[in-house]
Amino acid sequence: MTKPLHLTLEVFDVHQLLDGLNARAEEWEMTAYYLDTGYMPDDRFGVLECSNAEEAEGTARHYRELVSSIERQIACQTN
């Protein structure tokens, strides 16, 4: 079982983290796409190291879930 960790950050910094997490998720999504198709539609991205497309998709999904979790927590604190 994992242990929750509580951090205190400025709102600006949290949004910077979200930007970075979203960018990383997109990199993993592009890696999965490349591994599925052999084509990289956006030259801003390189192929990240992983075993296969399924691993890349799972990693991307984890990043997206993390972003969603943080956004839900932000919403609870700003409403």
PDB file of N, CA and C in Angstrom:
ATOM      1  N   MET A   1       0.849  -1.181   0.000  1.00  0.00           N
ATOM      2  CA  MET A   1       0.000   0.000   0.000  1.00  0.00           C
ATOM      3  C   MET A   1       0.893   1.242   0.000  1.00  0.00           C
ATOM      4  N   THR A   2       0.492   2.243  -0.768  1.00  0.00           N
ATOM      5  CA  THR A   2       1.272   3.470  -0.823  1.00  0.00           C
ATOM      6  C   THR A   2       0.816   4.429   0.261  1.00  0.00           C
ATOM      7  N   LYS A   3       1.707   5.284   0.645  1.00  0.00           N
ATOM      8  CA  LYS A   3       1.422   6.265   1.690  1.00  0.00           C
ATOM      9  C   LYS A   3       1.202   7.631   1.042  1.00  0.00           C
ATOM     10  N   PRO A   4       0.074   8.294   1.346  1.00  0.00           N
ATOM     11  CA  PRO A   4      -0.163   9.628   0.791  1.00  0.00           C
ATOM     12  C   PRO A   4       0.888  10.615   1.291  1.00  0.00           C
ATOM     13  N   LEU A   5       1.193  11.562   0.449  1.00  0.00           N
ATOM     14  CA  LEU A   5       2.139  12.610   0.785  1.00  0.00           C
ATOM     15  C   LEU A   5       1.448  13.942   0.556  1.00  0.00           C
ATOM     16  N   HIS A   6       1.486  14.804   1.542  1.00  0.00           N
ATOM     17  CA  HIS A   6       0.838  16.111   1.437  1.00  0.00           C
ATOM     18  C   HIS A   6       1.905  17.175   1.230  1.00  0.00           C
ATOM     19  N   LEU A   7       1.735  17.958   0.175  1.00  0.00           N
ATOM     20  CA  LEU A   7       2.668  19.025  -0.149  1.00  0.00           C
ATOM     21  C   LEU A   7       1.955  20.359  -0.095  1.00  0.00           C
ATOM     22  N   THR A   8       2.691  21.396   0.160  1.00  0.00           N
ATOM     23  CA  THR A   8       2.152  22.744   0.092  1.00  0.00           C
ATOM     24  C   THR A   8       2.959  23.502  -0.951  1.00  0.00           C
ATOM     25  N   LEU A   9       2.268  23.918  -2.008  1.00  0.00           N
ATOM     26  CA  LEU A   9       2.909  24.633  -3.107  1.00  0.00           C
ATOM     27  C   LEU A   9       2.065  25.834  -3.492  1.00  0.00           C
ATOM     28  N   GLU A  10       2.705  26.822  -4.062  1.00  0.00           N
ATOM     29  CA  GLU A  10       1.986  27.967  -4.610  1.00  0.00           C
ATOM     30  C   GLU A  10       1.181  27.514  -5.831  1.00  0.00           C
ATOM     31  N   VAL A  11       0.057  28.144  -6.067  1.00  0.00           N
ATOM     32  CA  VAL A  11      -0.821  27.779  -7.182  1.00  0.00           C
ATOM     33  C   VAL A  11      -0.053  27.807  -8.506  1.00  0.00           C
ATOM     34  N   PHE A  12       0.748  28.832  -8.725  1.00  0.00           N
ATOM     35  CA  PHE A  12       1.524  28.935  -9.961  1.00  0.00           C
ATOM     36  C   PHE A  12       2.405  27.700 -10.142  1.00  0.00           C
ATOM     37  N   ASP A  13       3.052  27.274  -9.078  1.00  0.00           N
ATOM     38  CA  ASP A  13       3.939  26.118  -9.154  1.00  0.00           C
ATOM     39  C   ASP A  13       3.181  24.836  -9.463  1.00  0.00           C
ATOM     40  N   VAL A  14       1.995  24.697  -8.911  1.00  0.00           N
ATOM     41  CA  VAL A  14       1.179  23.511  -9.201  1.00  0.00           C
ATOM     42  C   VAL A  14       0.818  23.494 -10.685  1.00  0.00           C
ATOM     43  N   HIS A  15       0.481  24.640 -11.236  1.00  0.00           N
ATOM     44  CA  HIS A  15       0.144  24.696 -12.662  1.00  0.00           C
ATOM     45  C   HIS A  15       1.368  24.421 -13.530  1.00  0.00           C
ATOM     46  N   GLN A  16       2.541  24.819 -13.076  1.00  0.00           N
ATOM     47  CA  GLN A  16       3.771  24.488 -13.793  1.00  0.00           C
ATOM     48  C   GLN A  16       3.983  22.970 -13.784  1.00  0.00           C
ATOM     49  N   LEU A  17       3.752  22.338 -12.641  1.00  0.00           N
ATOM     50  CA  LEU A  17       3.857  20.884 -12.554  1.00  0.00           C
ATOM     51  C   LEU A  17       2.868  20.204 -13.491  1.00  0.00           C
ATOM     52  N   LEU A  18       1.633  20.707 -13.527  1.00  0.00           N
ATOM     53  CA  LEU A  18       0.621  20.132 -14.414  1.00  0.00           C
ATOM     54  C   LEU A  18       1.039  20.257 -15.878  1.00  0.00           C
ATOM     55  N   ASP A  19       1.609  21.403 -16.245  1.00  0.00           N
ATOM     56  CA  ASP A  19       2.090  21.568 -17.618  1.00  0.00           C
ATOM     57  C   ASP A  19       3.144  20.516 -17.950  1.00  0.00           C
ATOM     58  N   GLY A  20       4.073  20.293 -17.029  1.00  0.00           N
ATOM     59  CA  GLY A  20       5.115  19.302 -17.246  1.00  0.00           C
ATOM     60  C   GLY A  20       4.566  17.887 -17.326  1.00  0.00           C
ATOM     61  N   LEU A  21       3.622  17.560 -16.463  1.00  0.00           N
ATOM     62  CA  LEU A  21       3.015  16.229 -16.485  1.00  0.00           C
ATOM     63  C   LEU A  21       2.226  16.000 -17.776  1.00  0.00           C
ATOM     64  N   ASN A  22       1.508  17.028 -18.226  1.00  0.00           N
ATOM     65  CA  ASN A  22       0.769  16.911 -19.489  1.00  0.00           C
ATOM     66  C   ASN A  22       1.717  16.729 -20.669  1.00  0.00           C
ATOM     67  N   ALA A  23       2.832  17.456 -20.667  1.00  0.00           N
ATOM     68  CA  ALA A  23       3.813  17.319 -21.746  1.00  0.00           C
ATOM     69  C   ALA A  23       4.406  15.911 -21.747  1.00  0.00           C
ATOM     70  N   ARG A  24       4.694  15.391 -20.578  1.00  0.00           N
ATOM     71  CA  ARG A  24       5.258  14.051 -20.480  1.00  0.00           C
ATOM     72  C   ARG A  24       4.236  13.002 -20.920  1.00  0.00           C
ATOM     73  N   ALA A  25       2.985  13.178 -20.550  1.00  0.00           N
ATOM     74  CA  ALA A  25       1.940  12.257 -21.004  1.00  0.00           C
ATOM     75  C   ALA A  25       1.860  12.248 -22.520  1.00  0.00           C
ATOM     76  N   GLU A  26       1.940  13.425 -23.115  1.00  0.00           N
ATOM     77  CA  GLU A  26       1.876  13.507 -24.571  1.00  0.00           C
ATOM     78  C   GLU A  26       3.076  12.804 -25.219  1.00  0.00           C
ATOM     79  N   GLU A  27       4.252  12.923 -24.607  1.00  0.00           N
ATOM     80  CA  GLU A  27       5.424  12.214 -25.119  1.00  0.00           C
ATOM     81  C   GLU A  27       5.196  10.703 -25.113  1.00  0.00           C
ATOM     82  N   TRP A  28       4.607  10.199 -24.022  1.00  0.00           N
ATOM     83  CA  TRP A  28       4.336   8.763 -23.941  1.00  0.00           C
ATOM     84  C   TRP A  28       3.264   8.358 -24.941  1.00  0.00           C
ATOM     85  N   GLU A  29       2.263   9.212 -25.136  1.00  0.00           N
ATOM     86  CA  GLU A  29       1.223   8.908 -26.126  1.00  0.00           C
ATOM     87  C   GLU A  29       1.813   8.858 -27.533  1.00  0.00           C
ATOM     88  N   MET A  30       2.714   9.786 -27.844  1.00  0.00           N
ATOM     89  CA  MET A  30       3.363   9.794 -29.159  1.00  0.00           C
ATOM     90  C   MET A  30       4.275   8.578 -29.318  1.00  0.00           C
ATOM     91  N   THR A  31       4.924   8.172 -28.236  1.00  0.00           N
ATOM     92  CA  THR A  31       5.762   6.971 -28.285  1.00  0.00           C
ATOM     93  C   THR A  31       4.900   5.749 -28.583  1.00  0.00           C
ATOM     94  N   ALA A  32       3.766   5.627 -27.899  1.00  0.00           N
ATOM     95  CA  ALA A  32       2.857   4.502 -28.149  1.00  0.00           C
ATOM     96  C   ALA A  32       2.377   4.518 -29.596  1.00  0.00           C
ATOM     97  N   TYR A  33       2.043   5.690 -30.089  1.00  0.00           N
ATOM     98  CA  TYR A  33       1.572   5.816 -31.467  1.00  0.00           C
ATOM     99  C   TYR A  33       2.660   5.349 -32.435  1.00  0.00           C
ATOM    100  N   TYR A  34       3.879   5.809 -32.191  1.00  0.00           N
ATOM    101  CA  TYR A  34       4.992   5.418 -33.056  1.00  0.00           C
ATOM    102  C   TYR A  34       5.198   3.903 -33.024  1.00  0.00           C
ATOM    103  N   LEU A  35       5.163   3.323 -31.833  1.00  0.00           N
ATOM    104  CA  LEU A  35       5.386   1.886 -31.723  1.00  0.00           C
ATOM    105  C   LEU A  35       4.264   1.085 -32.379  1.00  0.00           C
ATOM    106  N   ASP A  36       3.061   1.649 -32.417  1.00  0.00           N
ATOM    107  CA  ASP A  36       1.931   0.988 -33.083  1.00  0.00           C
ATOM    108  C   ASP A  36       1.988   1.129 -34.599  1.00  0.00           C
ATOM    109  N   THR A  37       2.423   2.311 -35.063  1.00  0.00           N
ATOM    110  CA  THR A  37       2.309   2.622 -36.493  1.00  0.00           C
ATOM    111  C   THR A  37       3.633   2.736 -37.237  1.00  0.00           C
ATOM    112  N   GLY A  38       4.718   2.978 -36.509  1.00  0.00           N
ATOM    113  CA  GLY A  38       6.002   3.231 -37.162  1.00  0.00           C
ATOM    114  C   GLY A  38       6.129   4.647 -37.670  1.00  0.00           C
ATOM    115  N   TYR A  39       5.175   5.497 -37.316  1.00  0.00           N
ATOM    116  CA  TYR A  39       5.149   6.886 -37.799  1.00  0.00           C
ATOM    117  C   TYR A  39       5.069   7.834 -36.608  1.00  0.00           C
ATOM    118  N   MET A  40       5.898   8.886 -36.630  1.00  0.00           N
ATOM    119  CA  MET A  40       5.862   9.916 -35.587  1.00  0.00           C
ATOM    120  C   MET A  40       5.282  11.180 -36.215  1.00  0.00           C
ATOM    121  N   PRO A  41       4.019  11.512 -35.896  1.00  0.00           N
ATOM    122  CA  PRO A  41       3.341  12.629 -36.555  1.00  0.00           C
ATOM    123  C   PRO A  41       3.815  14.011 -36.119  1.00  0.00           C
ATOM    124  N   ASP A  42       4.571  14.079 -35.058  1.00  0.00           N
ATOM    125  CA  ASP A  42       4.985  15.380 -34.534  1.00  0.00           C
ATOM    126  C   ASP A  42       6.474  15.313 -34.217  1.00  0.00           C
ATOM    127  N   ASP A  43       7.270  16.103 -34.948  1.00  0.00           N
ATOM    128  CA  ASP A  43       8.729  16.023 -34.777  1.00  0.00           C
ATOM    129  C   ASP A  43       9.233  16.698 -33.502  1.00  0.00           C
ATOM    130  N   ARG A  44       8.319  17.222 -32.680  1.00  0.00           N
ATOM    131  CA  ARG A  44       8.727  17.787 -31.389  1.00  0.00           C
ATOM    132  C   ARG A  44       9.075  16.684 -30.392  1.00  0.00           C
ATOM    133  N   PHE A  45       8.689  15.461 -30.701  1.00  0.00           N
ATOM    134  CA  PHE A  45       8.850  14.369 -29.761  1.00  0.00           C
ATOM    135  C   PHE A  45       9.841  13.346 -30.271  1.00  0.00           C
ATOM    136  N   GLY A  46      10.560  12.762 -29.338  1.00  0.00           N
ATOM    137  CA  GLY A  46      11.387  11.607 -29.631  1.00  0.00           C
ATOM    138  C   GLY A  46      10.703  10.393 -29.044  1.00  0.00           C
ATOM    139  N   VAL A  47      11.153   9.234 -29.430  1.00  0.00           N
ATOM    140  CA  VAL A  47      10.580   7.994 -28.910  1.00  0.00           C
ATOM    141  C   VAL A  47      11.223   7.715 -27.556  1.00  0.00           C
ATOM    142  N   LEU A  48      10.390   7.542 -26.543  1.00  0.00           N
ATOM    143  CA  LEU A  48      10.874   7.256 -25.200  1.00  0.00           C
ATOM    144  C   LEU A  48      11.175   5.759 -25.071  1.00  0.00           C
ATOM    145  N   GLU A  49      12.051   5.436 -24.152  1.00  0.00           N
ATOM    146  CA  GLU A  49      12.472   4.042 -23.992  1.00  0.00           C
ATOM    147  C   GLU A  49      11.443   3.240 -23.207  1.00  0.00           C
ATOM    148  N   CYS A  50      10.984   2.177 -23.831  1.00  0.00           N
ATOM    149  CA  CYS A  50      10.060   1.250 -23.178  1.00  0.00           C
ATOM    150  C   CYS A  50      10.060  -0.051 -23.958  1.00  0.00           C
ATOM    151  N   SER A  51       9.385  -1.045 -23.445  1.00  0.00           N
ATOM    152  CA  SER A  51       9.385  -2.372 -24.062  1.00  0.00           C
ATOM    153  C   SER A  51       8.461  -2.476 -25.271  1.00  0.00           C
ATOM    154  N   ASN A  52       7.299  -1.783 -25.197  1.00  0.00           N
ATOM    155  CA  ASN A  52       6.323  -1.916 -26.274  1.00  0.00           C
ATOM    156  C   ASN A  52       5.270  -0.818 -26.158  1.00  0.00           C
ATOM    157  N   ALA A  53       4.354  -0.794 -27.114  1.00  0.00           N
ATOM    158  CA  ALA A  53       3.310   0.237 -27.144  1.00  0.00           C
ATOM    159  C   ALA A  53       2.406   0.160 -25.925  1.00  0.00           C
ATOM    160  N   GLU A  54       2.136  -1.048 -25.452  1.00  0.00           N
ATOM    161  CA  GLU A  54       1.257  -1.192 -24.292  1.00  0.00           C
ATOM    162  C   GLU A  54       1.877  -0.556 -23.048  1.00  0.00           C
ATOM    163  N   GLU A  55       3.180  -0.715 -22.886  1.00  0.00           N
ATOM    164  CA  GLU A  55       3.850  -0.084 -21.753  1.00  0.00           C
ATOM    165  C   GLU A  55       3.788   1.438 -21.876  1.00  0.00           C
ATOM    166  N   ALA A  56       4.004   1.948 -23.074  1.00  0.00           N
ATOM    167  CA  ALA A  56       3.941   3.389 -23.301  1.00  0.00           C
ATOM    168  C   ALA A  56       2.537   3.918 -23.031  1.00  0.00           C
ATOM    169  N   GLU A  57       1.519   3.190 -23.493  1.00  0.00           N
ATOM    170  CA  GLU A  57       0.133   3.606 -23.253  1.00  0.00           C
ATOM    171  C   GLU A  57      -0.194   3.603 -21.771  1.00  0.00           C
ATOM    172  N   GLY A  58       0.265   2.597 -21.061  1.00  0.00           N
ATOM    173  CA  GLY A  58       0.029   2.526 -19.617  1.00  0.00           C
ATOM    174  C   GLY A  58       0.702   3.663 -18.871  1.00  0.00           C
ATOM    175  N   THR A  59       1.902   4.001 -19.292  1.00  0.00           N
ATOM    176  CA  THR A  59       2.622   5.109 -18.655  1.00  0.00           C
ATOM    177  C   THR A  59       1.908   6.422 -18.942  1.00  0.00           C
ATOM    178  N   ALA A  60       1.476   6.614 -20.172  1.00  0.00           N
ATOM    179  CA  ALA A  60       0.722   7.825 -20.526  1.00  0.00           C
ATOM    180  C   ALA A  60      -0.560   7.914 -19.711  1.00  0.00           C
ATOM    181  N   ARG A  61      -1.238   6.805 -19.590  1.00  0.00           N
ATOM    182  CA  ARG A  61      -2.489   6.771 -18.817  1.00  0.00           C
ATOM    183  C   ARG A  61      -2.228   7.134 -17.350  1.00  0.00           C
ATOM    184  N   HIS A  62      -1.123   6.649 -16.805  1.00  0.00           N
ATOM    185  CA  HIS A  62      -0.776   6.976 -15.417  1.00  0.00           C
ATOM    186  C   HIS A  62      -0.546   8.487 -15.254  1.00  0.00           C
ATOM    187  N   TYR A  63       0.166   9.093 -16.192  1.00  0.00           N
ATOM    188  CA  TYR A  63       0.372  10.538 -16.138  1.00  0.00           C
ATOM    189  C   TYR A  63      -0.954  11.284 -16.221  1.00  0.00           C
ATOM    190  N   ARG A  64      -1.842  10.856 -17.113  1.00  0.00           N
ATOM    191  CA  ARG A  64      -3.147  11.523 -17.249  1.00  0.00           C
ATOM    192  C   ARG A  64      -3.980  11.372 -15.972  1.00  0.00           C
ATOM    193  N   GLU A  65      -3.913  10.207 -15.347  1.00  0.00           N
ATOM    194  CA  GLU A  65      -4.641  10.004 -14.088  1.00  0.00           C
ATOM    195  C   GLU A  65      -4.066  10.890 -12.983  1.00  0.00           C
ATOM    196  N   LEU A  66      -2.766  11.044 -12.957  1.00  0.00           N
ATOM    197  CA  LEU A  66      -2.124  11.915 -11.986  1.00  0.00           C
ATOM    198  C   LEU A  66      -2.566  13.361 -12.178  1.00  0.00           C
ATOM    199  N   VAL A  67      -2.596  13.815 -13.419  1.00  0.00           N
ATOM    200  CA  VAL A  67      -3.060  15.176 -13.719  1.00  0.00           C
ATOM    201  C   VAL A  67      -4.501  15.342 -13.258  1.00  0.00           C
ATOM    202  N   SER A  68      -5.345  14.382 -13.565  1.00  0.00           N
ATOM    203  CA  SER A  68      -6.758  14.454 -13.156  1.00  0.00           C
ATOM    204  C   SER A  68      -6.901  14.511 -11.645  1.00  0.00           C
ATOM    205  N   SER A  69      -6.116  13.714 -10.944  1.00  0.00           N
ATOM    206  CA  SER A  69      -6.161  13.716  -9.485  1.00  0.00           C
ATOM    207  C   SER A  69      -5.782  15.079  -8.924  1.00  0.00           C
ATOM    208  N   ILE A  70      -4.736  15.653  -9.451  1.00  0.00           N
ATOM    209  CA  ILE A  70      -4.302  16.980  -8.979  1.00  0.00           C
ATOM    210  C   ILE A  70      -5.365  18.027  -9.295  1.00  0.00           C
ATOM    211  N   GLU A  71      -5.942  17.960 -10.496  1.00  0.00           N
ATOM    212  CA  GLU A  71      -6.973  18.930 -10.877  1.00  0.00           C
ATOM    213  C   GLU A  71      -8.208  18.810  -9.981  1.00  0.00           C
ATOM    214  N   ARG A  72      -8.587  17.598  -9.617  1.00  0.00           N
ATOM    215  CA  ARG A  72      -9.721  17.418  -8.699  1.00  0.00           C
ATOM    216  C   ARG A  72      -9.411  18.025  -7.334  1.00  0.00           C
ATOM    217  N   GLN A  73      -8.188  17.830  -6.864  1.00  0.00           N
ATOM    218  CA  GLN A  73      -7.799  18.396  -5.570  1.00  0.00           C
ATOM    219  C   GLN A  73      -7.783  19.925  -5.610  1.00  0.00           C
ATOM    220  N   ILE A  74      -7.337  20.481  -6.730  1.00  0.00           N
ATOM    221  CA  ILE A  74      -7.363  21.940  -6.902  1.00  0.00           C
ATOM    222  C   ILE A  74      -8.797  22.433  -6.852  1.00  0.00           C
ATOM    223  N   ALA A  75      -9.687  21.755  -7.574  1.00  0.00           N
ATOM    224  CA  ALA A  75     -11.091  22.162  -7.613  1.00  0.00           C
ATOM    225  C   ALA A  75     -11.721  22.145  -6.223  1.00  0.00           C
ATOM    226  N   CYS A  76     -11.387  21.162  -5.424  1.00  0.00           N
ATOM    227  CA  CYS A  76     -11.937  21.072  -4.074  1.00  0.00           C
ATOM    228  C   CYS A  76     -11.470  22.223  -3.194  1.00  0.00           C
ATOM    229  N   GLN A  77     -10.280  22.718  -3.453  1.00  0.00           N
ATOM    230  CA  GLN A  77      -9.723  23.771  -2.614  1.00  0.00           C
ATOM    231  C   GLN A  77     -10.050  25.178  -3.096  1.00  0.00           C
ATOM    232  N   THR A  78     -10.491  25.309  -4.340  1.00  0.00           N
ATOM    233  CA  THR A  78     -10.749  26.645  -4.878  1.00  0.00           C
ATOM    234  C   THR A  78     -12.222  26.958  -5.010  1.00  0.00           C
ATOM    235  N   ASN A  79     -13.087  26.018  -4.706  1.00  0.00           N
ATOM    236  CA  ASN A  79     -14.532  26.295  -4.781  1.00  0.00           C
ATOM    237  C   ASN A  79     -15.080  26.745  -3.463  1.00  0.00           C
TER     238      ASN A  79
END
